[in-house]
Amino acid sequence: MKASSSARESLLPPGDVPTAVPVVASGVPAVPTGVPVQPQAMYREQVHTADGYWAQTLGASPGLVLRERLYLSQICCAACEKKTSYTVGALPAHNAGLEKQWLNDETMVAMLTPGAFEVREESGCCCRYCLHQSRELKLGYFAPRVGGGQPGGGVWEGGLAGFGWPEGEIPALWLERPFKCTLCCCCCLLNPQEMSLYDGQEVLGKALMEWDCCMVCWPYRRYGVLDAAGAKEYDVHVPLACADGCRNCCAPTCFNRVLTMPITAAGDAAQLGSLENHWPGCNCRGLCAAGMANNNYVVKFPQAASAAQKARLLSALHLIDFNFFERRANQQN
């Protein structure tokens, strides 16, 4: 995938676009004197925003697998609070059915190559440590590097280097979560948790925590998935303990390895897809780091969902992740 010459020239400062680019003996254009070399991140930014990378990737995928990066420092030091990071791969079509099927950590890793996205968090250190799961943050969906740092082919290199939001990179999609102190008051929910979704500066929709009176005595939660106009498209149900036939009792653990959160159309009971939290297995992630932000997720999209609807369902996944599963060592009290 190559950017056009006019698009490349638009990245140069005004007045510095060369009229002719000399060519050296090897056939590679030489950089004219006085023209600053553009960082590779700018080239990747241009390609992915212009070509709708996220829409192409999500539109062709029946589902995704997300594997959270495990930080040993968080296991060894309770005071360490790292930024969340996920590697995302495509779920094969034969695994995208609604039946319950456990994928162990080794299988998850195999599905991450080639990668679809890298998810990175941007948040303040004090906010992470003081507010934990309720913190204000941004999550960016970045295209993984392939072919020596450029998109479009070659050998997958395992995503972006470093930690946190990559400097100079603009994500294919990004999500924003404000800090909200959520309180139950009588029959309503004050300041419900929410996660908004953006494509550049365009709002694509959001996920919103919902409430009804039955939740007082019945252990489940519900999240609405709304489009850009605020109309609800889907409901995501989070059955806990004995709710929904005890399907999630003791999950995700070795006793019940998959916690399932059904996706239904707004106002309908028929399951169309699911968000699943899979126990990693009998390894460091599943035993030593139990309950400490070591999550493996599988997203099974509704068959008729568009790319934008699939992206909005990802906003629900991350909001639920922070509400229920992002527990660090310094929160086990």
Protein backbone atom coordinates (compact mmCIF):
# COMPACT_ATOMS: atom_id res chain seq x y z
CA MET A 1 0.00 0.00 0.00
CA LYS A 2 1.57 3.28 -1.07
CA ALA A 3 0.56 6.85 -0.50
CA SER A 4 0.18 9.10 -3.53
CA SER A 5 2.89 11.65 -4.33
CA SER A 6 0.49 14.55 -3.76
CA ALA A 7 -0.43 13.17 -0.32
CA ARG A 8 3.26 12.85 0.59
CA GLU A 9 3.97 16.43 -0.51
CA SER A 10 1.10 17.71 1.65
CA LEU A 11 3.03 16.56 4.72
CA LEU A 12 5.92 18.94 3.90
CA PRO A 13 6.03 22.47 5.30
CA PRO A 14 4.63 25.17 2.93
CA GLY A 15 7.21 26.45 0.46
CA ASP A 16 9.49 23.43 0.91
CA VAL A 17 7.93 21.08 -1.67
CA PRO A 18 10.70 20.33 -4.20
CA THR A 19 10.03 20.75 -7.92
CA ALA A 20 12.38 17.91 -8.80
CA VAL A 21 13.78 15.14 -6.65
CA PRO A 22 17.27 13.93 -7.66
CA VAL A 23 17.85 10.21 -8.00
CA VAL A 24 21.04 8.54 -6.86
CA ALA A 25 22.73 5.69 -8.72
CA SER A 26 20.85 3.01 -6.78
CA GLY A 27 17.51 4.33 -8.06
CA VAL A 28 16.36 5.60 -4.62
CA PRO A 29 15.26 9.28 -4.57
CA ALA A 30 17.67 11.43 -2.59
CA VAL A 31 16.37 13.85 0.04
CA PRO A 32 16.95 17.43 -1.23
CA THR A 33 19.01 19.74 0.95
CA GLY A 34 16.88 21.87 3.25
CA VAL A 35 13.82 19.60 3.19
CA PRO A 36 13.21 18.00 6.59
CA VAL A 37 12.86 14.21 6.66
CA GLN A 38 9.30 13.30 7.60
CA PRO A 39 8.94 10.77 10.43
CA GLN A 40 7.62 7.34 9.47
CA ALA A 41 4.75 7.79 11.92
CA MET A 42 3.35 10.56 9.70
CA TYR A 43 3.34 8.19 6.72
CA ARG A 44 1.48 5.53 8.72
CA GLU A 45 -0.97 8.14 10.00
CA GLN A 46 -1.78 9.26 6.47
CA VAL A 47 -2.31 5.73 5.15
CA HIS A 48 -4.64 4.53 7.88
CA THR A 49 -6.84 7.60 8.13
CA ALA A 50 -7.21 7.89 4.35
CA ASP A 51 -7.97 4.26 3.60
CA GLY A 52 -10.42 3.51 6.46
CA TYR A 53 -8.26 0.76 7.93
CA TRP A 54 -10.59 0.07 10.86
CA ALA A 55 -13.70 -0.20 8.66
CA GLN A 56 -12.01 -2.63 6.27
CA THR A 57 -10.69 -4.78 9.12
CA LEU A 58 -13.89 -4.91 11.17
CA GLY A 59 -16.18 -5.22 8.17
CA ALA A 60 -14.45 -8.41 7.03
CA SER A 61 -14.17 -10.01 10.48
CA PRO A 62 -16.83 -12.23 12.15
CA GLY A 63 -15.12 -11.61 15.48
CA LEU A 64 -11.96 -10.60 17.30
CA VAL A 65 -9.69 -11.97 20.02
CA LEU A 66 -8.07 -9.55 22.47
CA ARG A 67 -5.19 -10.58 24.72
CA GLU A 68 -4.16 -8.18 27.47
CA ARG A 69 -0.48 -7.56 28.08
CA LEU A 70 0.61 -8.91 31.47
CA TYR A 71 3.09 -6.80 33.43
CA LEU A 72 5.20 -8.79 35.90
CA SER A 73 5.88 -5.56 37.79
CA GLN A 74 2.21 -5.46 38.77
CA ILE A 75 2.46 -8.96 40.21
CA CYS A 76 5.65 -8.22 42.16
CA CYS A 77 4.84 -4.67 43.27
CA ALA A 78 1.39 -3.70 44.50
CA ALA A 79 2.19 -0.01 43.97
CA CYS A 80 2.71 -0.46 40.21
CA GLU A 81 -0.20 0.61 38.02
CA LYS A 82 0.56 0.22 34.31
CA LYS A 83 -1.43 1.42 31.32
CA THR A 84 -3.68 -1.15 29.71
CA SER A 85 -2.46 -2.69 26.45
CA TYR A 86 -4.12 -5.29 24.22
CA THR A 87 -3.04 -7.14 21.10
CA VAL A 88 -5.99 -7.86 18.80
CA GLY A 89 -6.35 -10.57 16.18
CA ALA A 90 -9.11 -11.88 13.92
CA LEU A 91 -11.36 -14.70 15.11
CA PRO A 92 -11.61 -17.51 12.51
CA ALA A 93 -15.09 -18.01 11.05
CA HIS A 94 -15.38 -21.57 12.43
CA ASN A 95 -15.00 -20.18 15.98
CA ALA A 96 -17.58 -17.41 15.54
CA GLY A 97 -20.70 -19.44 16.40
CA LEU A 98 -22.79 -18.78 19.50
CA GLU A 99 -21.90 -22.10 21.15
CA LYS A 100 -19.62 -21.96 24.20
CA GLN A 101 -16.07 -22.86 23.21
CA TRP A 102 -13.02 -22.25 25.42
CA LEU A 103 -9.84 -20.94 23.80
CA ASN A 104 -6.73 -21.40 25.94
CA ASP A 105 -3.90 -18.89 25.99
CA GLU A 106 -1.77 -20.73 23.42
CA THR A 107 -4.66 -20.78 20.96
CA MET A 108 -5.25 -17.08 21.55
CA VAL A 109 -1.62 -16.26 20.81
CA ALA A 110 -1.79 -18.21 17.54
CA MET A 111 -4.81 -16.14 16.46
CA LEU A 112 -2.92 -12.89 17.03
CA THR A 113 -0.68 -13.43 13.98
CA PRO A 114 -1.19 -11.56 11.77
CA GLY A 115 -2.49 -8.89 14.08
CA ALA A 116 -5.51 -6.67 13.45
CA PHE A 117 -4.95 -3.86 16.01
CA GLU A 118 -2.90 -2.79 19.01
CA VAL A 119 -4.94 -1.17 21.80
CA ARG A 120 -3.09 1.38 23.95
CA GLU A 121 -4.20 3.48 26.90
CA GLU A 122 -3.47 7.15 27.57
CA SER A 123 -4.06 8.27 31.18
CA GLY A 124 -2.37 10.06 34.05
CA CYS A 125 -0.30 8.19 36.65
CA CYS A 126 -2.09 9.74 39.65
CA CYS A 127 -5.46 9.06 38.05
CA ARG A 128 -4.59 5.40 37.49
CA TYR A 129 -3.39 4.82 41.04
CA CYS A 130 -6.03 6.86 42.89
CA LEU A 131 -9.10 6.01 40.81
CA HIS A 132 -8.13 2.54 39.53
CA GLN A 133 -11.02 1.11 37.46
CA SER A 134 -12.95 4.39 37.52
CA ARG A 135 -10.16 6.44 35.99
CA GLU A 136 -10.51 8.85 33.10
CA LEU A 137 -8.69 7.55 30.01
CA LYS A 138 -8.40 7.22 26.26
CA LEU A 139 -7.93 3.98 24.35
CA GLY A 140 -6.45 3.99 20.85
CA TYR A 141 -6.87 1.25 18.24
CA PHE A 142 -3.63 1.34 16.27
CA ALA A 143 -2.78 -0.69 13.17
CA PRO A 144 0.11 -3.07 13.95
CA ARG A 145 3.42 -2.57 12.16
CA VAL A 146 4.18 -4.92 9.30
CA GLY A 147 6.86 -5.01 6.64
CA GLY A 148 9.64 -3.15 8.47
CA GLY A 149 7.43 -0.60 10.22
CA GLN A 150 5.02 0.23 7.38
CA PRO A 151 1.50 -1.12 6.84
CA GLY A 152 0.32 -3.14 3.92
CA GLY A 153 2.27 -6.38 3.79
CA GLY A 154 5.36 -8.26 4.83
CA VAL A 155 6.10 -10.11 8.04
CA TRP A 156 4.09 -9.10 11.11
CA GLU A 157 6.38 -7.66 13.78
CA GLY A 158 4.10 -8.05 16.77
CA GLY A 159 2.61 -4.57 17.05
CA LEU A 160 3.89 -1.22 18.24
CA ALA A 161 7.02 -0.83 20.33
CA GLY A 162 7.14 0.70 23.80
CA PHE A 163 4.40 1.41 26.30
CA GLY A 164 1.32 3.59 26.32
CA TRP A 165 0.09 5.78 23.46
CA PRO A 166 2.77 5.73 20.70
CA GLU A 167 4.28 9.16 20.22
CA GLY A 168 3.43 10.75 16.87
CA GLU A 169 0.84 8.10 15.98
CA ILE A 170 -2.84 8.73 15.29
CA PRO A 171 -5.09 5.70 15.95
CA ALA A 172 -7.49 4.15 13.47
CA LEU A 173 -10.17 4.44 16.16
CA TRP A 174 -10.12 5.85 19.67
CA LEU A 175 -12.36 5.67 22.72
CA GLU A 176 -12.77 8.15 25.56
CA ARG A 177 -14.00 7.43 29.05
CA PRO A 178 -14.68 10.35 31.42
CA PHE A 179 -14.48 9.99 35.19
CA LYS A 180 -17.94 9.55 36.67
CA CYS A 181 -19.01 8.81 40.22
CA THR A 182 -21.91 6.43 39.58
CA LEU A 183 -24.59 6.16 42.27
CA CYS A 184 -27.83 4.21 42.54
CA CYS A 185 -30.65 6.48 43.73
CA CYS A 186 -34.10 4.92 44.17
CA CYS A 187 -35.02 3.60 40.72
CA CYS A 188 -32.44 5.48 38.68
CA LEU A 189 -28.70 5.50 38.08
CA LEU A 190 -26.91 8.81 38.59
CA ASN A 191 -23.85 9.51 36.43
CA PRO A 192 -23.86 6.17 34.57
CA GLN A 193 -20.56 4.88 33.26
CA GLU A 194 -19.98 5.49 29.55
CA MET A 195 -17.39 4.99 26.81
CA SER A 196 -17.55 7.16 23.66
CA LEU A 197 -16.17 6.09 20.27
CA TYR A 198 -14.48 8.36 17.70
CA ASP A 199 -13.09 8.13 14.19
CA GLY A 200 -10.73 11.12 14.18
CA GLN A 201 -13.00 13.94 15.37
CA GLU A 202 -16.22 12.23 14.25
CA VAL A 203 -18.39 10.69 16.98
CA LEU A 204 -19.45 7.16 16.05
CA GLY A 205 -21.48 6.34 19.16
CA LYS A 206 -20.99 5.11 22.71
CA ALA A 207 -21.71 2.42 25.28
CA LEU A 208 -23.73 3.33 28.36
CA MET A 209 -24.38 1.50 31.63
CA GLU A 210 -28.13 1.04 32.21
CA TRP A 211 -30.31 0.36 35.22
CA ASP A 212 -33.73 -0.98 36.13
CA CYS A 213 -35.42 -2.04 39.34
CA CYS A 214 -34.84 -5.77 38.76
CA MET A 215 -31.09 -5.24 39.16
CA VAL A 216 -31.58 -4.57 42.89
CA CYS A 217 -32.40 -8.23 43.59
CA TRP A 218 -31.17 -10.01 40.45
CA PRO A 219 -27.40 -10.24 39.83
CA TYR A 220 -26.93 -8.95 36.31
CA ARG A 221 -25.97 -5.71 34.57
CA ARG A 222 -26.95 -4.29 31.21
CA TYR A 223 -25.16 -1.95 28.82
CA GLY A 224 -26.74 -0.13 25.91
CA VAL A 225 -24.86 0.40 22.63
CA LEU A 226 -25.92 3.67 21.00
CA ASP A 227 -25.21 5.10 17.55
CA ALA A 228 -24.00 8.64 16.83
CA ALA A 229 -27.57 10.00 17.02
CA GLY A 230 -28.17 8.41 20.42
CA ALA A 231 -30.48 5.62 19.17
CA LYS A 232 -29.94 2.26 20.86
CA GLU A 233 -28.81 -0.58 18.58
CA TYR A 234 -27.84 -3.38 20.96
CA ASP A 235 -28.03 -4.48 24.57
CA VAL A 236 -25.11 -6.30 26.18
CA HIS A 237 -26.12 -8.37 29.21
CA VAL A 238 -23.66 -9.29 31.98
CA PRO A 239 -25.19 -12.17 34.00
CA LEU A 240 -23.45 -12.62 37.35
CA ALA A 241 -23.54 -15.42 39.96
CA CYS A 242 -26.78 -17.40 39.62
CA ALA A 243 -28.43 -15.18 36.98
CA ASP A 244 -29.29 -16.61 33.55
CA GLY A 245 -29.16 -20.24 34.62
CA CYS A 246 -25.85 -19.84 36.49
CA ARG A 247 -24.01 -19.71 33.16
CA ASN A 248 -21.32 -17.43 34.63
CA CYS A 249 -21.09 -18.81 38.15
CA CYS A 250 -17.37 -18.97 39.14
CA ALA A 251 -16.34 -17.76 35.66
CA PRO A 252 -13.76 -17.15 34.32
CA THR A 253 -11.81 -19.74 36.35
CA CYS A 254 -10.77 -23.38 36.03
CA PHE A 255 -14.25 -24.30 37.34
CA ASN A 256 -16.07 -22.34 34.60
CA ARG A 257 -13.65 -21.26 31.93
CA VAL A 258 -15.74 -18.84 29.85
CA LEU A 259 -17.78 -15.88 31.11
CA THR A 260 -20.38 -15.09 28.44
CA MET A 261 -22.10 -11.73 27.94
CA PRO A 262 -24.88 -12.08 25.32
CA ILE A 263 -25.49 -9.37 22.70
CA THR A 264 -29.15 -8.82 21.75
CA ALA A 265 -30.96 -6.30 19.56
CA ALA A 266 -32.45 -3.41 21.52
CA GLY A 267 -35.65 -4.58 23.20
CA ASP A 268 -35.27 -8.19 22.00
CA ALA A 269 -34.28 -11.37 23.87
CA ALA A 270 -32.74 -13.31 20.97
CA GLN A 271 -28.95 -13.61 21.24
CA LEU A 272 -27.13 -12.30 18.18
CA GLY A 273 -23.53 -12.41 19.37
CA SER A 274 -21.47 -12.33 22.55
CA LEU A 275 -18.58 -10.82 24.46
CA GLU A 276 -16.58 -13.50 26.28
CA ASN A 277 -13.88 -13.45 28.94
CA HIS A 278 -11.78 -16.64 28.65
CA TRP A 279 -9.71 -18.08 31.49
CA PRO A 280 -6.07 -18.20 30.23
CA GLY A 281 -5.42 -21.72 31.56
CA CYS A 282 -2.99 -23.35 34.01
CA ASN A 283 -0.15 -20.90 33.43
CA CYS A 284 1.24 -17.68 34.89
CA ARG A 285 -1.65 -15.65 33.50
CA GLY A 286 -4.32 -18.01 34.75
CA LEU A 287 -2.86 -18.91 38.16
CA CYS A 288 -0.29 -16.38 39.40
CA ALA A 289 -2.09 -13.35 37.95
CA ALA A 290 -5.68 -14.38 38.61
CA GLY A 291 -7.92 -11.33 38.82
CA MET A 292 -5.11 -8.89 38.04
CA ALA A 293 -5.87 -7.53 34.55
CA ASN A 294 -4.79 -10.64 32.64
CA ASN A 295 -7.88 -10.84 30.49
CA ASN A 296 -8.36 -12.79 27.27
CA TYR A 297 -11.48 -11.70 25.37
CA VAL A 298 -13.37 -13.12 22.41
CA VAL A 299 -15.86 -10.90 20.57
CA LYS A 300 -18.44 -12.64 18.37
CA PHE A 301 -20.18 -9.99 16.27
CA PRO A 302 -23.81 -10.24 15.12
CA GLN A 303 -23.83 -11.50 11.53
CA ALA A 304 -25.68 -8.48 10.13
CA ALA A 305 -23.59 -5.87 11.98
CA SER A 306 -21.83 -3.16 9.98
CA ALA A 307 -18.24 -2.09 10.62
CA ALA A 308 -19.44 0.91 12.66
CA GLN A 309 -21.77 -1.27 14.75
CA LYS A 310 -18.93 -3.70 15.44
CA ALA A 311 -16.76 -0.79 16.57
CA ARG A 312 -19.48 0.38 18.93
CA LEU A 313 -19.68 -3.10 20.44
CA LEU A 314 -15.96 -2.81 21.19
CA SER A 315 -16.68 0.31 23.23
CA ALA A 316 -19.08 -1.78 25.33
CA LEU A 317 -16.41 -4.46 25.78
CA HIS A 318 -13.85 -2.00 27.13
CA LEU A 319 -16.36 -0.28 29.41
CA ILE A 320 -17.38 -3.65 30.90
CA ASP A 321 -13.69 -4.58 31.17
CA PHE A 322 -12.94 -1.58 33.36
CA ASN A 323 -16.14 -1.93 35.39
CA PHE A 324 -15.65 -5.60 36.29
CA PHE A 325 -12.29 -7.10 35.34
CA GLU A 326 -9.48 -4.52 35.59
CA ARG A 327 -8.37 -5.37 39.10
CA ARG A 328 -4.72 -4.76 39.99
CA ALA A 329 -2.67 -6.11 42.87
CA ASN A 330 -3.09 -2.84 44.78
CA GLN A 331 -6.87 -3.22 44.66
CA GLN A 332 -7.11 -6.62 46.34
CA ASN A 333 -8.32 -5.37 49.69
